[in-house]
Amino acid sequence: MTTQAITIHLSEAMVRQLQQAARLSHQPIETIVEQSLAHSLPPLLKEVPVEYQADVFPLLQMDEKQLQQEAQRTFDLARWAQYETLLEKKKEGHLTTSEQSQLAALRREADVLTFRKAYAAVLLKRRGYPVPPFDSLSIAQ
């Protein structure tokens, strides 16, 4: 792994804290800083498929309350029923061109919601906030 040097300006209190952490852990300050950054940076959007990144990126700007709301969002029940009906028709091989387009749009909508809910939960956890219970992360309720 190659490394790159950067210069940052820190308060004296922060430098003392880093020095103390380095002394106590018997590690160089650089290691403490790198580990701290690795744990505090938001998860990379490269983990999200490119076609959904623009939908997920705005979550990085959200505060805790907004992220909690995002993690609790659900798919409209009528639209979810339509989605399931179209999926069933697709299994039977009876979709019209219009229905194929509707299914594709509903699938994308469901995918976007899923990625946003999951990313909101990850951001909440990374920021030290409680993550909603797993069963509440379902997109249809």
N, C-alpha and C. Protein backbone atom coordinates (compact mmCIF):
# COMPACT_ATOMS: atom_id res chain seq x y z
N MET A 1 0.85 -1.17 0.00
CA MET A 1 0.00 0.00 0.00
C MET A 1 0.89 1.24 0.00
N THR A 2 0.64 2.13 -0.94
CA THR A 2 1.40 3.37 -0.96
C THR A 2 0.73 4.37 -0.03
N THR A 3 1.51 5.28 0.48
CA THR A 3 0.98 6.31 1.36
C THR A 3 1.25 7.67 0.76
N GLN A 4 0.53 8.64 1.24
CA GLN A 4 0.69 9.99 0.76
C GLN A 4 0.66 10.92 1.97
N ALA A 5 1.53 11.88 1.99
CA ALA A 5 1.59 12.83 3.09
C ALA A 5 0.64 13.99 2.84
N ILE A 6 -0.06 14.41 3.91
CA ILE A 6 -0.89 15.61 3.85
C ILE A 6 -0.59 16.44 5.08
N THR A 7 -0.87 17.71 5.00
CA THR A 7 -0.67 18.60 6.13
C THR A 7 -2.03 19.07 6.61
N ILE A 8 -2.26 18.92 7.91
CA ILE A 8 -3.49 19.42 8.50
C ILE A 8 -3.14 20.24 9.73
N HIS A 9 -3.96 21.20 10.05
CA HIS A 9 -3.74 22.03 11.22
C HIS A 9 -4.74 21.63 12.29
N LEU A 10 -4.22 21.26 13.46
CA LEU A 10 -5.06 20.82 14.57
C LEU A 10 -4.82 21.69 15.78
N SER A 11 -5.82 21.74 16.63
CA SER A 11 -5.66 22.49 17.88
C SER A 11 -4.63 21.77 18.76
N GLU A 12 -4.06 22.52 19.69
CA GLU A 12 -3.10 21.91 20.61
C GLU A 12 -3.76 20.81 21.43
N ALA A 13 -5.00 21.00 21.80
CA ALA A 13 -5.72 19.99 22.60
C ALA A 13 -5.86 18.69 21.80
N MET A 14 -6.15 18.81 20.51
CA MET A 14 -6.30 17.62 19.67
C MET A 14 -4.96 16.90 19.51
N VAL A 15 -3.89 17.67 19.34
CA VAL A 15 -2.56 17.08 19.21
C VAL A 15 -2.19 16.35 20.49
N ARG A 16 -2.47 16.94 21.65
CA ARG A 16 -2.18 16.27 22.92
C ARG A 16 -2.98 14.98 23.04
N GLN A 17 -4.24 15.02 22.62
CA GLN A 17 -5.08 13.82 22.68
C GLN A 17 -4.52 12.72 21.76
N LEU A 18 -4.10 13.10 20.58
CA LEU A 18 -3.50 12.13 19.66
C LEU A 18 -2.20 11.56 20.23
N GLN A 19 -1.38 12.42 20.82
CA GLN A 19 -0.12 11.96 21.41
C GLN A 19 -0.38 10.98 22.54
N GLN A 20 -1.38 11.29 23.37
CA GLN A 20 -1.71 10.40 24.47
C GLN A 20 -2.23 9.05 23.96
N ALA A 21 -3.09 9.08 22.95
CA ALA A 21 -3.61 7.84 22.37
C ALA A 21 -2.48 7.02 21.76
N ALA A 22 -1.54 7.69 21.11
CA ALA A 22 -0.40 7.00 20.50
C ALA A 22 0.48 6.36 21.58
N ARG A 23 0.73 7.11 22.65
CA ARG A 23 1.54 6.57 23.75
C ARG A 23 0.87 5.35 24.38
N LEU A 24 -0.42 5.48 24.67
CA LEU A 24 -1.14 4.40 25.35
C LEU A 24 -1.27 3.15 24.48
N SER A 25 -1.39 3.34 23.18
CA SER A 25 -1.56 2.18 22.28
C SER A 25 -0.25 1.70 21.69
N HIS A 26 0.85 2.41 22.00
CA HIS A 26 2.18 2.06 21.47
C HIS A 26 2.15 2.04 19.94
N GLN A 27 1.51 3.05 19.37
CA GLN A 27 1.43 3.18 17.92
C GLN A 27 1.81 4.60 17.53
N PRO A 28 2.29 4.79 16.31
CA PRO A 28 2.59 6.15 15.86
C PRO A 28 1.31 6.99 15.72
N ILE A 29 1.46 8.28 15.87
CA ILE A 29 0.32 9.19 15.73
C ILE A 29 -0.35 9.00 14.36
N GLU A 30 0.45 8.79 13.33
CA GLU A 30 -0.10 8.60 11.99
C GLU A 30 -1.10 7.44 11.96
N THR A 31 -0.79 6.37 12.67
CA THR A 31 -1.68 5.21 12.72
C THR A 31 -2.98 5.56 13.43
N ILE A 32 -2.87 6.31 14.53
CA ILE A 32 -4.06 6.73 15.28
C ILE A 32 -4.95 7.62 14.41
N VAL A 33 -4.34 8.55 13.70
CA VAL A 33 -5.11 9.45 12.82
C VAL A 33 -5.77 8.65 11.71
N GLU A 34 -5.02 7.77 11.07
CA GLU A 34 -5.59 6.98 9.97
C GLU A 34 -6.74 6.10 10.45
N GLN A 35 -6.56 5.44 11.59
CA GLN A 35 -7.63 4.61 12.14
C GLN A 35 -8.86 5.44 12.49
N SER A 36 -8.63 6.60 13.07
CA SER A 36 -9.75 7.48 13.43
C SER A 36 -10.52 7.93 12.19
N LEU A 37 -9.79 8.30 11.16
CA LEU A 37 -10.44 8.72 9.92
C LEU A 37 -11.20 7.56 9.28
N ALA A 38 -10.61 6.38 9.30
CA ALA A 38 -11.26 5.22 8.70
C ALA A 38 -12.60 4.93 9.37
N HIS A 39 -12.67 5.19 10.67
CA HIS A 39 -13.91 4.91 11.41
C HIS A 39 -14.92 6.04 11.33
N SER A 40 -14.46 7.25 10.97
CA SER A 40 -15.39 8.37 10.98
C SER A 40 -15.84 8.84 9.60
N LEU A 41 -15.12 8.44 8.57
CA LEU A 41 -15.54 8.83 7.22
C LEU A 41 -16.81 8.09 6.82
N PRO A 42 -17.67 8.74 6.05
CA PRO A 42 -18.87 8.04 5.60
C PRO A 42 -18.51 6.88 4.70
N PRO A 43 -19.34 5.84 4.69
CA PRO A 43 -19.06 4.72 3.81
C PRO A 43 -19.02 5.19 2.36
N LEU A 44 -18.20 4.53 1.60
CA LEU A 44 -18.02 4.96 0.22
C LEU A 44 -19.24 4.66 -0.63
N LEU A 45 -19.55 5.60 -1.48
CA LEU A 45 -20.66 5.40 -2.40
C LEU A 45 -20.33 4.37 -3.47
N LYS A 46 -19.05 4.01 -3.61
CA LYS A 46 -18.71 3.01 -4.63
C LYS A 46 -19.32 1.66 -4.28
N GLU A 47 -19.76 1.50 -3.03
CA GLU A 47 -20.44 0.28 -2.62
C GLU A 47 -21.88 0.25 -3.17
N VAL A 48 -22.36 1.41 -3.60
CA VAL A 48 -23.71 1.53 -4.16
C VAL A 48 -23.57 1.53 -5.68
N PRO A 49 -24.37 0.73 -6.40
CA PRO A 49 -24.28 0.73 -7.86
C PRO A 49 -24.39 2.14 -8.44
N VAL A 50 -23.64 2.40 -9.48
CA VAL A 50 -23.54 3.73 -10.09
C VAL A 50 -24.92 4.32 -10.39
N GLU A 51 -25.84 3.51 -10.87
CA GLU A 51 -27.15 4.04 -11.27
C GLU A 51 -27.98 4.53 -10.09
N TYR A 52 -27.54 4.24 -8.85
CA TYR A 52 -28.28 4.67 -7.67
C TYR A 52 -27.51 5.70 -6.84
N GLN A 53 -26.28 5.99 -7.20
CA GLN A 53 -25.46 6.89 -6.39
C GLN A 53 -26.06 8.29 -6.29
N ALA A 54 -26.60 8.81 -7.36
CA ALA A 54 -27.19 10.16 -7.31
C ALA A 54 -28.40 10.20 -6.38
N ASP A 55 -29.09 9.06 -6.22
CA ASP A 55 -30.23 9.00 -5.32
C ASP A 55 -29.79 8.88 -3.86
N VAL A 56 -28.62 8.30 -3.64
CA VAL A 56 -28.14 8.04 -2.28
C VAL A 56 -27.25 9.17 -1.77
N PHE A 57 -26.49 9.81 -2.64
CA PHE A 57 -25.52 10.84 -2.25
C PHE A 57 -26.12 11.93 -1.35
N PRO A 58 -27.33 12.42 -1.59
CA PRO A 58 -27.87 13.49 -0.73
C PRO A 58 -27.99 13.11 0.74
N LEU A 59 -28.01 11.83 1.06
CA LEU A 59 -28.11 11.41 2.46
C LEU A 59 -26.90 11.85 3.27
N LEU A 60 -25.76 12.05 2.63
CA LEU A 60 -24.55 12.48 3.34
C LEU A 60 -24.75 13.85 3.99
N GLN A 61 -25.67 14.64 3.47
CA GLN A 61 -25.92 15.98 4.00
C GLN A 61 -26.99 16.00 5.09
N MET A 62 -27.64 14.87 5.33
CA MET A 62 -28.76 14.83 6.27
C MET A 62 -28.29 14.75 7.71
N ASP A 63 -29.10 15.34 8.60
CA ASP A 63 -28.83 15.22 10.03
C ASP A 63 -29.49 13.96 10.58
N GLU A 64 -29.32 13.72 11.87
CA GLU A 64 -29.82 12.49 12.48
C GLU A 64 -31.32 12.32 12.28
N LYS A 65 -32.09 13.38 12.51
CA LYS A 65 -33.54 13.29 12.39
C LYS A 65 -33.95 12.92 10.97
N GLN A 66 -33.34 13.55 10.00
CA GLN A 66 -33.66 13.26 8.60
C GLN A 66 -33.28 11.82 8.24
N LEU A 67 -32.12 11.36 8.73
CA LEU A 67 -31.70 9.99 8.45
C LEU A 67 -32.64 8.98 9.11
N GLN A 68 -33.09 9.27 10.33
CA GLN A 68 -34.05 8.39 11.01
C GLN A 68 -35.33 8.30 10.18
N GLN A 69 -35.80 9.44 9.68
CA GLN A 69 -37.01 9.45 8.85
C GLN A 69 -36.80 8.64 7.58
N GLU A 70 -35.64 8.81 6.98
CA GLU A 70 -35.33 8.09 5.74
C GLU A 70 -35.30 6.58 5.99
N ALA A 71 -34.70 6.19 7.11
CA ALA A 71 -34.60 4.76 7.43
C ALA A 71 -35.98 4.16 7.72
N GLN A 72 -36.96 4.98 8.08
CA GLN A 72 -38.29 4.49 8.40
C GLN A 72 -39.26 4.56 7.21
N ARG A 73 -38.84 5.19 6.10
CA ARG A 73 -39.74 5.31 4.94
C ARG A 73 -40.17 3.95 4.43
N THR A 74 -41.37 3.90 3.91
CA THR A 74 -41.88 2.65 3.33
C THR A 74 -42.47 2.93 1.95
N PHE A 75 -42.61 1.89 1.22
CA PHE A 75 -43.20 1.93 -0.12
C PHE A 75 -44.71 2.10 0.06
N ASP A 76 -45.32 2.91 -0.76
CA ASP A 76 -46.78 3.07 -0.74
C ASP A 76 -47.44 1.71 -0.95
N LEU A 77 -48.38 1.37 -0.08
CA LEU A 77 -48.98 0.03 -0.12
C LEU A 77 -49.66 -0.28 -1.46
N ALA A 78 -50.33 0.69 -2.03
CA ALA A 78 -51.01 0.45 -3.31
C ALA A 78 -49.97 0.18 -4.41
N ARG A 79 -48.88 0.94 -4.39
CA ARG A 79 -47.83 0.74 -5.39
C ARG A 79 -47.12 -0.60 -5.16
N TRP A 80 -46.96 -0.98 -3.89
CA TRP A 80 -46.34 -2.27 -3.58
C TRP A 80 -47.22 -3.42 -4.08
N ALA A 81 -48.53 -3.29 -3.89
CA ALA A 81 -49.45 -4.33 -4.38
C ALA A 81 -49.36 -4.43 -5.91
N GLN A 82 -49.29 -3.28 -6.57
CA GLN A 82 -49.16 -3.26 -8.02
C GLN A 82 -47.84 -3.94 -8.44
N TYR A 83 -46.78 -3.65 -7.72
CA TYR A 83 -45.48 -4.25 -7.99
C TYR A 83 -45.55 -5.77 -7.87
N GLU A 84 -46.13 -6.26 -6.79
CA GLU A 84 -46.25 -7.71 -6.59
C GLU A 84 -47.13 -8.36 -7.66
N THR A 85 -48.21 -7.68 -8.04
CA THR A 85 -49.09 -8.21 -9.08
C THR A 85 -48.33 -8.33 -10.41
N LEU A 86 -47.58 -7.30 -10.73
CA LEU A 86 -46.81 -7.33 -11.98
C LEU A 86 -45.71 -8.40 -11.94
N LEU A 87 -45.09 -8.57 -10.79
CA LEU A 87 -44.09 -9.64 -10.66
C LEU A 87 -44.71 -11.01 -10.89
N GLU A 88 -45.89 -11.20 -10.34
CA GLU A 88 -46.59 -12.48 -10.51
C GLU A 88 -46.95 -12.70 -11.97
N LYS A 89 -47.44 -11.64 -12.62
CA LYS A 89 -47.78 -11.75 -14.05
C LYS A 89 -46.54 -12.05 -14.88
N LYS A 90 -45.41 -11.47 -14.48
CA LYS A 90 -44.17 -11.72 -15.21
C LYS A 90 -43.78 -13.19 -15.11
N LYS A 91 -43.94 -13.77 -13.92
CA LYS A 91 -43.63 -15.20 -13.74
C LYS A 91 -44.48 -16.06 -14.68
N GLU A 92 -45.71 -15.63 -14.89
CA GLU A 92 -46.62 -16.37 -15.76
C GLU A 92 -46.37 -16.05 -17.23
N GLY A 93 -45.54 -15.02 -17.49
CA GLY A 93 -45.20 -14.66 -18.86
C GLY A 93 -46.27 -13.89 -19.59
N HIS A 94 -47.08 -13.10 -18.87
CA HIS A 94 -48.19 -12.39 -19.49
C HIS A 94 -48.09 -10.87 -19.37
N LEU A 95 -46.91 -10.30 -19.40
CA LEU A 95 -46.78 -8.85 -19.28
C LEU A 95 -46.84 -8.17 -20.64
N THR A 96 -47.63 -7.12 -20.70
CA THR A 96 -47.65 -6.28 -21.90
C THR A 96 -46.44 -5.36 -21.86
N THR A 97 -46.19 -4.68 -22.95
CA THR A 97 -45.07 -3.73 -23.00
C THR A 97 -45.27 -2.63 -21.96
N SER A 98 -46.48 -2.15 -21.82
CA SER A 98 -46.79 -1.13 -20.82
C SER A 98 -46.55 -1.64 -19.41
N GLU A 99 -46.95 -2.88 -19.16
CA GLU A 99 -46.75 -3.47 -17.83
C GLU A 99 -45.26 -3.70 -17.54
N GLN A 100 -44.51 -4.04 -18.59
CA GLN A 100 -43.07 -4.21 -18.42
C GLN A 100 -42.42 -2.88 -18.00
N SER A 101 -42.88 -1.81 -18.62
CA SER A 101 -42.36 -0.48 -18.26
C SER A 101 -42.75 -0.11 -16.83
N GLN A 102 -44.00 -0.39 -16.47
CA GLN A 102 -44.46 -0.12 -15.10
C GLN A 102 -43.64 -0.91 -14.09
N LEU A 103 -43.41 -2.18 -14.39
CA LEU A 103 -42.64 -3.03 -13.49
C LEU A 103 -41.22 -2.50 -13.34
N ALA A 104 -40.61 -2.11 -14.43
CA ALA A 104 -39.24 -1.57 -14.38
C ALA A 104 -39.20 -0.30 -13.51
N ALA A 105 -40.19 0.57 -13.68
CA ALA A 105 -40.23 1.81 -12.89
C ALA A 105 -40.45 1.50 -11.40
N LEU A 106 -41.34 0.57 -11.12
CA LEU A 106 -41.60 0.21 -9.72
C LEU A 106 -40.38 -0.49 -9.10
N ARG A 107 -39.70 -1.31 -9.88
CA ARG A 107 -38.50 -1.98 -9.38
C ARG A 107 -37.43 -0.96 -9.04
N ARG A 108 -37.25 0.02 -9.91
CA ARG A 108 -36.25 1.06 -9.64
C ARG A 108 -36.62 1.84 -8.39
N GLU A 109 -37.89 2.18 -8.28
CA GLU A 109 -38.37 2.90 -7.10
C GLU A 109 -38.10 2.09 -5.82
N ALA A 110 -38.37 0.80 -5.87
CA ALA A 110 -38.12 -0.08 -4.72
C ALA A 110 -36.62 -0.17 -4.43
N ASP A 111 -35.81 -0.28 -5.48
CA ASP A 111 -34.36 -0.35 -5.30
C ASP A 111 -33.82 0.94 -4.68
N VAL A 112 -34.27 2.08 -5.18
CA VAL A 112 -33.82 3.36 -4.63
C VAL A 112 -34.19 3.45 -3.15
N LEU A 113 -35.41 3.10 -2.83
CA LEU A 113 -35.85 3.13 -1.44
C LEU A 113 -34.99 2.20 -0.58
N THR A 114 -34.71 1.02 -1.08
CA THR A 114 -33.90 0.05 -0.33
C THR A 114 -32.50 0.60 -0.09
N PHE A 115 -31.85 1.12 -1.13
CA PHE A 115 -30.51 1.68 -0.98
C PHE A 115 -30.50 2.86 -0.02
N ARG A 116 -31.49 3.74 -0.13
CA ARG A 116 -31.54 4.91 0.75
C ARG A 116 -31.75 4.50 2.20
N LYS A 117 -32.65 3.56 2.45
CA LYS A 117 -32.90 3.10 3.82
C LYS A 117 -31.64 2.47 4.41
N ALA A 118 -30.99 1.62 3.64
CA ALA A 118 -29.79 0.94 4.13
C ALA A 118 -28.66 1.94 4.37
N TYR A 119 -28.48 2.87 3.45
CA TYR A 119 -27.41 3.85 3.60
C TYR A 119 -27.68 4.78 4.78
N ALA A 120 -28.95 5.14 4.98
CA ALA A 120 -29.31 5.97 6.14
C ALA A 120 -28.96 5.23 7.43
N ALA A 121 -29.26 3.94 7.48
CA ALA A 121 -28.95 3.15 8.68
C ALA A 121 -27.43 3.08 8.90
N VAL A 122 -26.67 2.91 7.84
CA VAL A 122 -25.21 2.85 7.95
C VAL A 122 -24.67 4.19 8.44
N LEU A 123 -25.18 5.28 7.87
CA LEU A 123 -24.72 6.60 8.30
C LEU A 123 -25.05 6.86 9.77
N LEU A 124 -26.24 6.48 10.18
CA LEU A 124 -26.62 6.64 11.58
C LEU A 124 -25.65 5.88 12.49
N LYS A 125 -25.38 4.65 12.13
CA LYS A 125 -24.47 3.83 12.95
C LYS A 125 -23.09 4.45 12.98
N ARG A 126 -22.60 4.88 11.83
CA ARG A 126 -21.26 5.48 11.76
C ARG A 126 -21.17 6.77 12.57
N ARG A 127 -22.29 7.48 12.70
CA ARG A 127 -22.30 8.73 13.48
C ARG A 127 -22.58 8.48 14.96
N GLY A 128 -22.74 7.23 15.33
CA GLY A 128 -22.92 6.90 16.74
C GLY A 128 -24.36 6.93 17.21
N TYR A 129 -25.31 6.98 16.30
CA TYR A 129 -26.73 7.00 16.68
C TYR A 129 -27.31 5.59 16.61
N PRO A 130 -28.39 5.38 17.34
CA PRO A 130 -29.01 4.05 17.27
C PRO A 130 -29.57 3.78 15.87
N VAL A 131 -29.40 2.57 15.45
CA VAL A 131 -29.91 2.14 14.14
C VAL A 131 -31.31 1.58 14.35
N PRO A 132 -32.23 1.88 13.45
CA PRO A 132 -33.58 1.31 13.59
C PRO A 132 -33.51 -0.21 13.60
N PRO A 133 -34.44 -0.86 14.29
CA PRO A 133 -34.46 -2.32 14.31
C PRO A 133 -34.54 -2.88 12.89
N PHE A 134 -33.92 -4.04 12.69
CA PHE A 134 -33.84 -4.66 11.36
C PHE A 134 -35.22 -4.80 10.71
N ASP A 135 -36.23 -5.26 11.49
CA ASP A 135 -37.54 -5.48 10.90
C ASP A 135 -38.20 -4.19 10.43
N SER A 136 -37.75 -3.04 10.94
CA SER A 136 -38.34 -1.78 10.49
C SER A 136 -37.66 -1.29 9.19
N LEU A 137 -36.62 -1.97 8.76
CA LEU A 137 -35.94 -1.57 7.53
C LEU A 137 -36.60 -2.15 6.27
N SER A 138 -37.64 -2.94 6.45
CA SER A 138 -38.38 -3.47 5.30
C SER A 138 -38.95 -2.29 4.51
N ILE A 139 -39.04 -2.44 3.19
CA ILE A 139 -39.55 -1.32 2.40
C ILE A 139 -41.07 -1.33 2.29
N ALA A 140 -41.71 -2.44 2.59
CA ALA A 140 -43.18 -2.51 2.52
C ALA A 140 -43.70 -2.97 3.89
N GLN A 141 -44.65 -2.23 4.40
CA GLN A 141 -45.21 -2.61 5.71
C GLN A 141 -46.70 -2.48 5.71
